[in-house]
Amino acid sequence: MADDKAVGRRDRARAFVPELIPEPQDIDRTGPLDAKEQQLLDRIHAARDHHQAAKWMRGKALDATFRRRLFRGEDGQRTRQQYLDDEWDGMSESAAYLEIKEWPLAAQIAATFERPAPDSHVRALVDVAAKQGAEPVAHRRSASLHRDARV
């Protein structure tokens, strides 16, 4: 049993915490990055990717909340907008529905590329994905990027 728990802990993703991001400082260096600088840059890119992943997870969370009608609150009377005002810093319903519309494609692109896509890419493809499905659009985007990289 203890071995099963140890395996589970090793497989669990490590949390990304702000302390992993290096403190901003002015450093006057030129030339190629050394190993430590590359590690710092990798952490900076991880922060960027965590932000993008959190963005599509927000959309999924909103989607689950709306579809399951969890916004109702303890008295069962709270509206979607009241919920957004109370729990999402006053986000509009239209902004919430935009995130809901985008998250499946953003999640699929992240799974396909093993890193999240910029918001602008997702927004440009979301209507196509609504008609053709997130997976084929993400794979087509992947194929076109690989083709462009060879040119």
Protein backbone atom coordinates (compact mmCIF):
# COMPACT_ATOMS: atom_id res chain seq x y z
CA MET A 1 0.00 0.00 0.00
CA ALA A 2 2.81 2.45 0.86
CA ASP A 3 4.40 1.73 -2.52
CA ASP A 4 1.14 2.65 -4.28
CA LYS A 5 1.06 5.99 -2.46
CA ALA A 6 4.68 6.74 -3.39
CA VAL A 7 4.01 6.02 -7.06
CA GLY A 8 0.95 8.28 -6.98
CA ARG A 9 2.97 11.13 -5.50
CA ARG A 10 5.67 10.82 -8.15
CA ASP A 11 3.07 10.89 -10.93
CA ARG A 12 1.33 13.98 -9.56
CA ALA A 13 2.12 17.25 -11.30
CA ARG A 14 4.07 19.71 -9.20
CA ALA A 15 2.34 22.93 -8.38
CA PHE A 16 3.67 26.04 -10.03
CA VAL A 17 4.34 28.66 -7.39
CA PRO A 18 5.45 32.29 -7.80
CA GLU A 19 8.75 31.54 -6.06
CA LEU A 20 9.82 29.59 -9.15
CA ILE A 21 9.85 32.79 -11.21
CA PRO A 22 13.18 34.62 -10.89
CA GLU A 23 13.17 38.09 -9.40
CA PRO A 24 13.40 40.79 -12.07
CA GLN A 25 16.86 42.39 -12.04
CA ASP A 26 18.94 44.33 -14.51
CA ILE A 27 21.84 42.13 -15.63
CA ASP A 28 24.13 43.17 -18.47
CA ARG A 29 25.05 39.90 -20.18
CA THR A 30 25.57 38.96 -23.80
CA GLY A 31 26.22 35.76 -25.66
CA PRO A 32 24.49 32.41 -25.33
CA LEU A 33 22.53 31.53 -22.22
CA ASP A 34 24.37 29.41 -19.68
CA ALA A 35 22.66 26.39 -18.06
CA LYS A 36 21.34 28.38 -15.09
CA GLU A 37 19.94 31.11 -17.35
CA GLN A 38 18.25 28.49 -19.52
CA GLN A 39 16.68 26.99 -16.41
CA LEU A 40 15.37 30.45 -15.40
CA LEU A 41 13.97 31.00 -18.90
CA ASP A 42 12.28 27.59 -18.76
CA ARG A 43 10.61 28.63 -15.50
CA ILE A 44 9.44 31.88 -17.10
CA HIS A 45 7.94 29.91 -19.98
CA ALA A 46 6.30 27.56 -17.47
CA ALA A 47 4.63 30.59 -15.86
CA ARG A 48 3.34 31.67 -19.27
CA ASP A 49 2.02 28.18 -19.99
CA HIS A 50 0.38 27.89 -16.56
CA HIS A 51 -1.45 31.15 -17.23
CA GLN A 52 -2.76 29.86 -20.56
CA ALA A 53 -3.76 26.50 -19.07
CA ALA A 54 -5.52 28.27 -16.20
CA LYS A 55 -7.42 30.33 -18.78
CA TRP A 56 -9.05 27.32 -20.43
CA MET A 57 -9.64 25.73 -17.03
CA ARG A 58 -11.56 28.87 -16.04
CA GLY A 59 -13.77 28.36 -19.09
CA LYS A 60 -14.35 24.73 -18.17
CA ALA A 61 -15.16 25.74 -14.57
CA LEU A 62 -17.68 28.31 -15.81
CA ASP A 63 -19.18 25.76 -18.21
CA ALA A 64 -19.60 23.22 -15.40
CA THR A 65 -21.09 25.86 -13.12
CA PHE A 66 -23.62 27.02 -15.70
CA ARG A 67 -24.59 23.60 -17.06
CA ARG A 68 -24.99 22.10 -13.61
CA ARG A 69 -26.74 25.27 -12.45
CA LEU A 70 -24.38 25.48 -9.46
CA PHE A 71 -24.67 29.27 -9.54
CA ARG A 72 -28.09 29.04 -7.78
CA GLY A 73 -26.57 29.51 -4.36
CA GLU A 74 -27.77 28.34 -0.98
CA ASP A 75 -31.25 29.82 -1.39
CA GLY A 76 -31.64 28.51 -4.94
CA GLN A 77 -32.53 31.99 -6.24
CA ARG A 78 -29.21 33.44 -7.40
CA THR A 79 -28.98 34.21 -11.13
CA ARG A 80 -25.96 33.61 -13.36
CA GLN A 81 -25.13 37.31 -13.33
CA GLN A 82 -25.48 37.55 -9.56
CA TYR A 83 -23.13 34.59 -9.28
CA LEU A 84 -20.63 36.23 -11.63
CA ASP A 85 -20.90 39.48 -9.67
CA ASP A 86 -20.34 37.67 -6.36
CA GLU A 87 -17.72 35.10 -7.33
CA TRP A 88 -16.05 36.26 -10.56
CA ASP A 89 -15.38 39.94 -9.90
CA GLY A 90 -18.41 41.09 -11.85
CA MET A 91 -17.58 39.27 -15.09
CA SER A 92 -20.33 39.77 -17.65
CA GLU A 93 -22.34 36.81 -18.88
CA SER A 94 -21.12 37.49 -22.42
CA ALA A 95 -17.48 37.29 -21.27
CA ALA A 96 -18.28 34.08 -19.36
CA TYR A 97 -19.90 32.53 -22.42
CA LEU A 98 -16.90 33.51 -24.55
CA GLU A 99 -14.60 31.62 -22.17
CA ILE A 100 -17.04 28.69 -22.18
CA LYS A 101 -17.05 28.67 -25.98
CA GLU A 102 -13.24 28.73 -26.19
CA TRP A 103 -12.18 26.22 -23.55
CA PRO A 104 -12.71 22.92 -25.44
CA LEU A 105 -10.50 24.04 -28.32
CA ALA A 106 -7.89 25.56 -26.00
CA ALA A 107 -7.75 22.32 -24.02
CA GLN A 108 -7.42 20.22 -27.20
CA ILE A 109 -4.65 22.42 -28.60
CA ALA A 110 -2.82 22.19 -25.26
CA ALA A 111 -3.11 18.40 -25.34
CA THR A 112 -1.99 18.19 -28.98
CA PHE A 113 1.00 20.52 -28.61
CA GLU A 114 1.77 19.70 -24.98
CA ARG A 115 1.56 23.44 -24.28
CA PRO A 116 -1.25 25.96 -24.42
CA ALA A 117 -2.09 28.16 -27.40
CA PRO A 118 -2.27 31.93 -27.24
CA ASP A 119 -5.77 33.37 -26.80
CA SER A 120 -5.62 34.96 -30.26
CA HIS A 121 -5.07 31.56 -31.91
CA VAL A 122 -7.95 29.99 -30.03
CA ARG A 123 -10.29 32.89 -30.85
CA ALA A 124 -9.37 32.70 -34.54
CA LEU A 125 -10.25 29.00 -34.68
CA VAL A 126 -13.16 28.69 -32.26
CA ASP A 127 -15.92 29.07 -34.86
CA VAL A 128 -14.30 26.48 -37.12
CA ALA A 129 -13.98 24.13 -34.14
CA ALA A 130 -17.66 24.62 -33.32
CA LYS A 131 -18.52 23.25 -36.78
CA GLN A 132 -15.79 20.64 -37.24
CA GLY A 133 -14.85 19.68 -33.67
CA ALA A 134 -11.93 20.72 -31.50
CA GLU A 135 -9.77 17.67 -32.12
CA PRO A 136 -9.61 17.86 -35.94
CA VAL A 137 -8.98 21.61 -35.83
CA ALA A 138 -6.19 21.22 -33.28
CA HIS A 139 -4.57 18.44 -35.32
CA ARG A 140 -4.90 20.43 -38.55
CA ARG A 141 -3.28 23.42 -36.84
CA SER A 142 -0.49 21.13 -35.65
CA ALA A 143 0.10 19.77 -39.15
CA SER A 144 0.18 23.25 -40.69
CA LEU A 145 2.69 24.47 -38.11
CA HIS A 146 4.96 21.48 -38.77
CA ARG A 147 4.68 22.11 -42.51
CA ASP A 148 5.51 25.82 -42.05
CA ALA A 149 8.50 24.98 -39.87
CA ARG A 150 10.06 22.93 -42.70
CA VAL A 151 9.79 25.75 -45.22
